[in-house]
Amino acid sequence: MILSEIGQTVNEIEINEYENIHPDTNYDFLSHRKNYTEQQMKLSRVLKRYAQTAKAAFLIKGLTVHSLFEIRQIKKKEVNSPLNRKKLQELQRKFKGITHIIIDGYSMLSQAVLGIIDKRLRDATGKQSEYFGGVSI
């Protein structure tokens, strides 16, 4: 991949896709857009996108890891301390039906942060015996 291509946004990629259509081709743009939107809606029900920094999260239309998993300070006691009832219910609601998580900049996460993510996902899914609560990272 050429470095200049990395900067393309999703909207630019969509526009380039339409530019490759020949004028004599009978193509239903509205139907294509509807199918694309339906696919995105289905994906959003089972897939979450996260990044280490706010800028990276914005670019992938996701959230920061720290905001979702409520990681304030990295302390040993935080990994083992349970969430209060209200926060646990909110976390369970956020991850209901989620099977995959994409983390941009995964290699930038420390072991402590990964430990907290593992603990939070186990609590959210109720699958205490599976790594990351059985959710694919």
N, C-alpha and C. Protein backbone atom coordinates (compact mmCIF):
# COMPACT_ATOMS: atom_id res chain seq x y z
N MET A 1 0.84 -1.17 0.00
CA MET A 1 0.00 0.00 0.00
C MET A 1 0.89 1.24 0.00
N ILE A 2 0.56 2.21 -0.80
CA ILE A 2 1.30 3.46 -0.90
C ILE A 2 0.92 4.34 0.29
N LEU A 3 1.90 5.05 0.84
CA LEU A 3 1.64 5.89 2.02
C LEU A 3 0.55 6.92 1.78
N SER A 4 0.45 7.45 0.58
CA SER A 4 -0.58 8.45 0.30
C SER A 4 -1.98 7.85 0.36
N GLU A 5 -2.10 6.55 0.15
CA GLU A 5 -3.41 5.89 0.20
C GLU A 5 -3.89 5.69 1.63
N ILE A 6 -2.98 5.66 2.58
CA ILE A 6 -3.35 5.40 3.96
C ILE A 6 -4.25 6.51 4.49
N GLY A 7 -4.05 7.72 4.03
CA GLY A 7 -4.82 8.86 4.52
C GLY A 7 -6.24 8.94 4.00
N GLN A 8 -6.63 8.06 3.09
CA GLN A 8 -7.97 8.12 2.55
C GLN A 8 -8.99 7.84 3.64
N THR A 9 -10.06 8.61 3.64
CA THR A 9 -11.14 8.35 4.59
C THR A 9 -12.14 7.42 3.94
N VAL A 10 -13.07 6.95 4.75
CA VAL A 10 -14.10 6.04 4.25
C VAL A 10 -14.91 6.71 3.15
N ASN A 11 -15.23 7.99 3.32
CA ASN A 11 -16.03 8.69 2.31
C ASN A 11 -15.28 8.80 0.99
N GLU A 12 -13.97 9.05 1.02
CA GLU A 12 -13.19 9.12 -0.21
C GLU A 12 -13.17 7.77 -0.92
N ILE A 13 -13.08 6.71 -0.15
CA ILE A 13 -13.09 5.37 -0.74
C ILE A 13 -14.42 5.10 -1.41
N GLU A 14 -15.53 5.52 -0.76
CA GLU A 14 -16.85 5.33 -1.36
C GLU A 14 -16.96 6.10 -2.66
N ILE A 15 -16.46 7.34 -2.69
CA ILE A 15 -16.51 8.16 -3.90
C ILE A 15 -15.70 7.51 -5.01
N ASN A 16 -14.51 7.02 -4.69
CA ASN A 16 -13.68 6.34 -5.69
C ASN A 16 -14.39 5.11 -6.25
N GLU A 17 -15.15 4.43 -5.40
CA GLU A 17 -15.89 3.25 -5.85
C GLU A 17 -16.91 3.65 -6.92
N TYR A 18 -17.59 4.78 -6.75
CA TYR A 18 -18.58 5.24 -7.71
C TYR A 18 -17.93 5.76 -8.99
N GLU A 19 -16.73 6.31 -8.90
CA GLU A 19 -16.06 6.84 -10.08
C GLU A 19 -15.64 5.75 -11.05
N ASN A 20 -15.47 4.54 -10.58
CA ASN A 20 -15.05 3.44 -11.44
C ASN A 20 -16.19 2.83 -12.25
N ILE A 21 -17.40 3.34 -12.09
CA ILE A 21 -18.55 2.81 -12.82
C ILE A 21 -18.64 3.52 -14.17
N HIS A 22 -18.80 2.74 -15.22
CA HIS A 22 -18.92 3.31 -16.56
C HIS A 22 -20.28 3.95 -16.74
N PRO A 23 -20.36 5.06 -17.48
CA PRO A 23 -21.64 5.76 -17.64
C PRO A 23 -22.71 4.92 -18.33
N ASP A 24 -22.31 3.98 -19.16
CA ASP A 24 -23.32 3.19 -19.85
C ASP A 24 -23.84 2.04 -19.00
N THR A 25 -23.33 1.88 -17.80
CA THR A 25 -23.77 0.81 -16.92
C THR A 25 -25.03 1.23 -16.19
N ASN A 26 -26.01 0.36 -16.19
CA ASN A 26 -27.25 0.64 -15.46
C ASN A 26 -27.00 0.27 -13.99
N TYR A 27 -26.79 1.27 -13.15
CA TYR A 27 -26.41 1.03 -11.76
C TYR A 27 -27.36 1.81 -10.86
N ASP A 28 -27.90 1.13 -9.90
CA ASP A 28 -28.85 1.74 -8.98
C ASP A 28 -28.11 2.23 -7.73
N PHE A 29 -27.81 3.52 -7.69
CA PHE A 29 -27.04 4.08 -6.58
C PHE A 29 -27.78 3.97 -5.25
N LEU A 30 -29.07 4.24 -5.26
CA LEU A 30 -29.84 4.20 -4.02
C LEU A 30 -29.89 2.79 -3.44
N SER A 31 -30.03 1.81 -4.31
CA SER A 31 -30.05 0.42 -3.85
C SER A 31 -28.70 0.05 -3.23
N HIS A 32 -27.62 0.47 -3.90
CA HIS A 32 -26.28 0.18 -3.38
C HIS A 32 -26.08 0.83 -2.02
N ARG A 33 -26.49 2.08 -1.87
CA ARG A 33 -26.32 2.81 -0.61
C ARG A 33 -27.15 2.14 0.50
N LYS A 34 -28.35 1.69 0.16
CA LYS A 34 -29.21 1.03 1.15
C LYS A 34 -28.56 -0.26 1.63
N ASN A 35 -28.03 -1.05 0.69
CA ASN A 35 -27.37 -2.31 1.06
C ASN A 35 -26.14 -2.04 1.92
N TYR A 36 -25.38 -1.00 1.57
CA TYR A 36 -24.19 -0.65 2.34
C TYR A 36 -24.58 -0.26 3.76
N THR A 37 -25.62 0.54 3.90
CA THR A 37 -26.08 0.98 5.22
C THR A 37 -26.57 -0.20 6.04
N GLU A 38 -27.30 -1.12 5.43
CA GLU A 38 -27.78 -2.30 6.15
C GLU A 38 -26.61 -3.16 6.63
N GLN A 39 -25.58 -3.30 5.80
CA GLN A 39 -24.40 -4.07 6.20
C GLN A 39 -23.70 -3.41 7.38
N GLN A 40 -23.59 -2.08 7.35
CA GLN A 40 -22.95 -1.36 8.46
C GLN A 40 -23.75 -1.51 9.74
N MET A 41 -25.08 -1.49 9.64
CA MET A 41 -25.93 -1.64 10.83
C MET A 41 -25.77 -3.03 11.43
N LYS A 42 -25.71 -4.05 10.57
CA LYS A 42 -25.52 -5.42 11.06
C LYS A 42 -24.17 -5.56 11.75
N LEU A 43 -23.13 -4.98 11.15
CA LEU A 43 -21.79 -5.03 11.74
C LEU A 43 -21.73 -4.31 13.07
N SER A 44 -22.43 -3.19 13.19
CA SER A 44 -22.35 -2.41 14.42
C SER A 44 -22.98 -3.14 15.60
N ARG A 45 -23.82 -4.13 15.32
CA ARG A 45 -24.43 -4.92 16.40
C ARG A 45 -23.47 -5.95 16.99
N VAL A 46 -22.47 -6.37 16.23
CA VAL A 46 -21.55 -7.41 16.71
C VAL A 46 -20.09 -6.97 16.77
N LEU A 47 -19.80 -5.75 16.31
CA LEU A 47 -18.42 -5.29 16.21
C LEU A 47 -18.27 -3.93 16.86
N LYS A 48 -17.22 -3.77 17.66
CA LYS A 48 -16.89 -2.48 18.26
C LYS A 48 -15.48 -2.11 17.84
N ARG A 49 -15.25 -0.79 17.63
CA ARG A 49 -13.94 -0.30 17.22
C ARG A 49 -13.39 0.64 18.29
N TYR A 50 -12.15 0.40 18.67
CA TYR A 50 -11.51 1.21 19.70
C TYR A 50 -10.09 1.54 19.29
N ALA A 51 -9.58 2.62 19.87
CA ALA A 51 -8.20 3.03 19.62
C ALA A 51 -7.60 3.56 20.92
N GLN A 52 -6.30 3.64 20.93
CA GLN A 52 -5.57 4.10 22.12
C GLN A 52 -5.74 5.60 22.32
N THR A 53 -5.76 6.37 21.23
CA THR A 53 -5.85 7.83 21.34
C THR A 53 -7.17 8.32 20.77
N ALA A 54 -7.57 9.52 21.18
CA ALA A 54 -8.83 10.10 20.71
C ALA A 54 -8.81 10.36 19.21
N LYS A 55 -7.67 10.81 18.70
CA LYS A 55 -7.56 11.10 17.27
C LYS A 55 -7.73 9.82 16.44
N ALA A 56 -7.07 8.76 16.86
CA ALA A 56 -7.19 7.48 16.14
C ALA A 56 -8.61 6.94 16.25
N ALA A 57 -9.24 7.09 17.40
CA ALA A 57 -10.61 6.62 17.58
C ALA A 57 -11.56 7.38 16.66
N PHE A 58 -11.36 8.67 16.52
CA PHE A 58 -12.18 9.48 15.63
C PHE A 58 -12.05 9.01 14.19
N LEU A 59 -10.83 8.72 13.76
CA LEU A 59 -10.58 8.32 12.38
C LEU A 59 -11.23 6.99 12.02
N ILE A 60 -11.36 6.08 12.98
CA ILE A 60 -11.98 4.79 12.69
C ILE A 60 -13.44 4.75 13.12
N LYS A 61 -13.97 5.93 13.50
CA LYS A 61 -15.36 6.06 13.96
C LYS A 61 -15.62 5.14 15.15
N GLY A 62 -14.74 5.21 16.12
CA GLY A 62 -14.86 4.37 17.31
C GLY A 62 -14.71 5.19 18.57
N LEU A 63 -14.33 4.53 19.65
CA LEU A 63 -14.13 5.16 20.95
C LEU A 63 -12.72 4.86 21.45
N THR A 64 -12.32 5.57 22.49
CA THR A 64 -11.04 5.24 23.09
C THR A 64 -11.22 4.06 24.04
N VAL A 65 -10.19 3.28 24.19
CA VAL A 65 -10.22 2.12 25.08
C VAL A 65 -10.50 2.55 26.51
N HIS A 66 -9.86 3.63 26.94
CA HIS A 66 -10.01 4.08 28.31
C HIS A 66 -11.43 4.55 28.62
N SER A 67 -12.09 5.21 27.67
CA SER A 67 -13.44 5.70 27.93
C SER A 67 -14.44 4.56 28.04
N LEU A 68 -14.31 3.56 27.19
CA LEU A 68 -15.28 2.47 27.23
C LEU A 68 -15.14 1.62 28.48
N PHE A 69 -13.93 1.23 28.78
CA PHE A 69 -13.71 0.32 29.91
C PHE A 69 -13.52 1.07 31.23
N GLU A 70 -13.73 2.38 31.20
CA GLU A 70 -13.64 3.23 32.39
C GLU A 70 -12.32 3.04 33.14
N ILE A 71 -11.25 3.17 32.39
CA ILE A 71 -9.91 3.05 32.97
C ILE A 71 -9.44 4.46 33.30
N ARG A 72 -9.40 4.78 34.58
CA ARG A 72 -8.99 6.11 35.02
C ARG A 72 -7.50 6.16 35.34
N GLN A 73 -7.07 5.33 36.26
CA GLN A 73 -5.66 5.25 36.62
C GLN A 73 -5.28 3.79 36.65
N ILE A 74 -4.09 3.49 36.23
CA ILE A 74 -3.62 2.11 36.22
C ILE A 74 -3.04 1.80 37.59
N LYS A 75 -3.82 1.10 38.37
CA LYS A 75 -3.37 0.67 39.69
C LYS A 75 -3.70 -0.80 39.84
N LYS A 76 -2.91 -1.48 40.63
CA LYS A 76 -3.12 -2.92 40.82
C LYS A 76 -4.50 -3.21 41.37
N LYS A 77 -4.96 -2.40 42.31
CA LYS A 77 -6.26 -2.66 42.92
C LYS A 77 -7.42 -2.44 41.94
N GLU A 78 -7.22 -1.60 40.92
CA GLU A 78 -8.28 -1.34 39.96
C GLU A 78 -8.58 -2.58 39.11
N VAL A 79 -7.58 -3.36 38.80
CA VAL A 79 -7.77 -4.56 37.99
C VAL A 79 -8.67 -5.55 38.73
N ASN A 80 -8.48 -5.67 40.03
CA ASN A 80 -9.22 -6.66 40.80
C ASN A 80 -10.51 -6.13 41.41
N SER A 81 -10.70 -4.82 41.44
CA SER A 81 -11.91 -4.28 42.06
C SER A 81 -13.10 -4.41 41.12
N PRO A 82 -14.23 -4.90 41.63
CA PRO A 82 -15.41 -5.05 40.79
C PRO A 82 -16.07 -3.69 40.52
N LEU A 83 -16.79 -3.60 39.42
CA LEU A 83 -17.55 -2.40 39.11
C LEU A 83 -18.78 -2.33 40.00
N ASN A 84 -19.27 -1.13 40.25
CA ASN A 84 -20.52 -1.05 41.00
C ASN A 84 -21.67 -1.55 40.11
N ARG A 85 -22.80 -1.78 40.70
CA ARG A 85 -23.92 -2.43 40.00
C ARG A 85 -24.37 -1.65 38.77
N LYS A 86 -24.48 -0.34 38.90
CA LYS A 86 -24.95 0.49 37.79
C LYS A 86 -23.97 0.45 36.61
N LYS A 87 -22.68 0.58 36.90
CA LYS A 87 -21.67 0.57 35.83
C LYS A 87 -21.57 -0.81 35.19
N LEU A 88 -21.74 -1.86 35.98
CA LEU A 88 -21.71 -3.21 35.43
C LEU A 88 -22.88 -3.43 34.48
N GLN A 89 -24.07 -2.98 34.86
CA GLN A 89 -25.24 -3.11 33.98
C GLN A 89 -25.05 -2.33 32.69
N GLU A 90 -24.46 -1.15 32.78
CA GLU A 90 -24.20 -0.35 31.58
C GLU A 90 -23.19 -1.04 30.67
N LEU A 91 -22.16 -1.61 31.26
CA LEU A 91 -21.15 -2.34 30.49
C LEU A 91 -21.76 -3.58 29.83
N GLN A 92 -22.63 -4.29 30.54
CA GLN A 92 -23.30 -5.46 29.97
C GLN A 92 -24.20 -5.06 28.81
N ARG A 93 -24.87 -3.92 28.93
CA ARG A 93 -25.73 -3.43 27.85
C ARG A 93 -24.89 -3.08 26.62
N LYS A 94 -23.73 -2.45 26.83
CA LYS A 94 -22.87 -2.07 25.70
C LYS A 94 -22.34 -3.28 24.94
N PHE A 95 -22.09 -4.37 25.65
CA PHE A 95 -21.48 -5.54 25.02
C PHE A 95 -22.46 -6.66 24.73
N LYS A 96 -23.73 -6.41 24.87
CA LYS A 96 -24.72 -7.44 24.56
C LYS A 96 -24.67 -7.75 23.06
N GLY A 97 -24.39 -8.99 22.73
CA GLY A 97 -24.34 -9.42 21.33
C GLY A 97 -23.03 -9.13 20.62
N ILE A 98 -22.09 -8.46 21.26
CA ILE A 98 -20.81 -8.13 20.63
C ILE A 98 -19.93 -9.38 20.59
N THR A 99 -19.42 -9.70 19.41
CA THR A 99 -18.58 -10.89 19.25
C THR A 99 -17.14 -10.54 18.89
N HIS A 100 -16.93 -9.32 18.35
CA HIS A 100 -15.60 -8.92 17.90
C HIS A 100 -15.31 -7.48 18.32
N ILE A 101 -14.06 -7.25 18.69
CA ILE A 101 -13.60 -5.90 19.02
C ILE A 101 -12.33 -5.64 18.22
N ILE A 102 -12.29 -4.50 17.55
CA ILE A 102 -11.09 -4.09 16.83
C ILE A 102 -10.44 -2.97 17.63
N ILE A 103 -9.19 -3.17 18.01
CA ILE A 103 -8.44 -2.15 18.74
C ILE A 103 -7.29 -1.68 17.86
N ASP A 104 -7.37 -0.42 17.44
CA ASP A 104 -6.30 0.17 16.64
C ASP A 104 -5.17 0.55 17.58
N GLY A 105 -3.97 0.13 17.29
CA GLY A 105 -2.83 0.42 18.15
C GLY A 105 -2.76 -0.54 19.33
N TYR A 106 -3.16 -1.77 19.09
CA TYR A 106 -3.18 -2.80 20.14
C TYR A 106 -1.81 -2.96 20.78
N SER A 107 -0.76 -2.84 20.00
CA SER A 107 0.60 -3.02 20.52
C SER A 107 1.01 -1.90 21.47
N MET A 108 0.28 -0.80 21.47
CA MET A 108 0.59 0.31 22.37
C MET A 108 0.01 0.11 23.77
N LEU A 109 -0.87 -0.87 23.93
CA LEU A 109 -1.51 -1.09 25.23
C LEU A 109 -0.56 -1.83 26.17
N SER A 110 -0.54 -1.42 27.41
CA SER A 110 0.30 -2.09 28.40
C SER A 110 -0.39 -3.36 28.90
N GLN A 111 0.35 -4.19 29.59
CA GLN A 111 -0.23 -5.41 30.16
C GLN A 111 -1.28 -5.07 31.20
N ALA A 112 -1.09 -3.98 31.93
CA ALA A 112 -2.07 -3.57 32.93
C ALA A 112 -3.40 -3.21 32.28
N VAL A 113 -3.35 -2.47 31.17
CA VAL A 113 -4.58 -2.09 30.46
C VAL A 113 -5.25 -3.34 29.88
N LEU A 114 -4.46 -4.24 29.29
CA LEU A 114 -5.04 -5.48 28.76
C LEU A 114 -5.68 -6.29 29.88
N GLY A 115 -5.07 -6.29 31.05
CA GLY A 115 -5.65 -6.99 32.20
C GLY A 115 -6.99 -6.41 32.60
N ILE A 116 -7.09 -5.09 32.59
CA ILE A 116 -8.36 -4.44 32.93
C ILE A 116 -9.41 -4.74 31.86
N ILE A 117 -9.03 -4.68 30.59
CA ILE A 117 -9.96 -5.00 29.50
C ILE A 117 -10.46 -6.43 29.64
N ASP A 118 -9.55 -7.36 29.92
CA ASP A 118 -9.92 -8.76 30.12
C ASP A 118 -10.94 -8.89 31.25
N LYS A 119 -10.65 -8.26 32.37
CA LYS A 119 -11.54 -8.33 33.54
C LYS A 119 -12.90 -7.73 33.23
N ARG A 120 -12.92 -6.57 32.58
CA ARG A 120 -14.19 -5.90 32.26
C ARG A 120 -15.03 -6.74 31.29
N LEU A 121 -14.38 -7.35 30.29
CA LEU A 121 -15.13 -8.17 29.34
C LEU A 121 -15.65 -9.44 29.99
N ARG A 122 -14.89 -10.03 30.89
CA ARG A 122 -15.37 -11.20 31.62
C ARG A 122 -16.59 -10.84 32.45
N ASP A 123 -16.55 -9.68 33.11
CA ASP A 123 -17.69 -9.22 33.90
C ASP A 123 -18.89 -8.91 33.01
N ALA A 124 -18.65 -8.28 31.86
CA ALA A 124 -19.74 -7.86 30.97
C ALA A 124 -20.45 -9.06 30.35
N THR A 125 -19.70 -10.09 29.98
CA THR A 125 -20.30 -11.24 29.31
C THR A 125 -20.73 -12.33 30.28
N GLY A 126 -20.17 -12.31 31.48
CA GLY A 126 -20.48 -13.36 32.45
C GLY A 126 -19.68 -14.63 32.24
N LYS A 127 -18.78 -14.62 31.29
CA LYS A 127 -17.95 -15.79 30.99
C LYS A 127 -16.60 -15.62 31.68
N GLN A 128 -16.56 -15.94 32.96
CA GLN A 128 -15.36 -15.71 33.77
C GLN A 128 -14.20 -16.64 33.41
N SER A 129 -14.51 -17.81 32.84
CA SER A 129 -13.45 -18.78 32.56
C SER A 129 -12.78 -18.58 31.19
N GLU A 130 -13.31 -17.67 30.36
CA GLU A 130 -12.76 -17.45 29.02
C GLU A 130 -12.00 -16.13 28.96
N TYR A 131 -10.87 -16.13 28.26
CA TYR A 131 -10.13 -14.90 28.08
C TYR A 131 -10.99 -13.87 27.36
N PHE A 132 -10.95 -12.64 27.83
CA PHE A 132 -11.72 -11.54 27.27
C PHE A 132 -13.21 -11.89 27.17
N GLY A 133 -13.69 -12.74 28.04
CA GLY A 133 -15.11 -13.08 28.06
C GLY A 133 -15.59 -13.76 26.80
N GLY A 134 -14.68 -14.38 26.05
CA GLY A 134 -15.07 -15.07 24.82
C GLY A 134 -15.21 -14.14 23.62
N VAL A 135 -14.91 -12.85 23.79
CA VAL A 135 -15.00 -11.89 22.70
C VAL A 135 -13.68 -11.89 21.95
N SER A 136 -13.73 -11.93 20.62
CA SER A 136 -12.51 -11.91 19.80
C SER A 136 -11.95 -10.50 19.75
N ILE A 137 -10.65 -10.39 20.04
CA ILE A 137 -9.99 -9.08 20.02
C ILE A 137 -9.11 -9.00 18.78
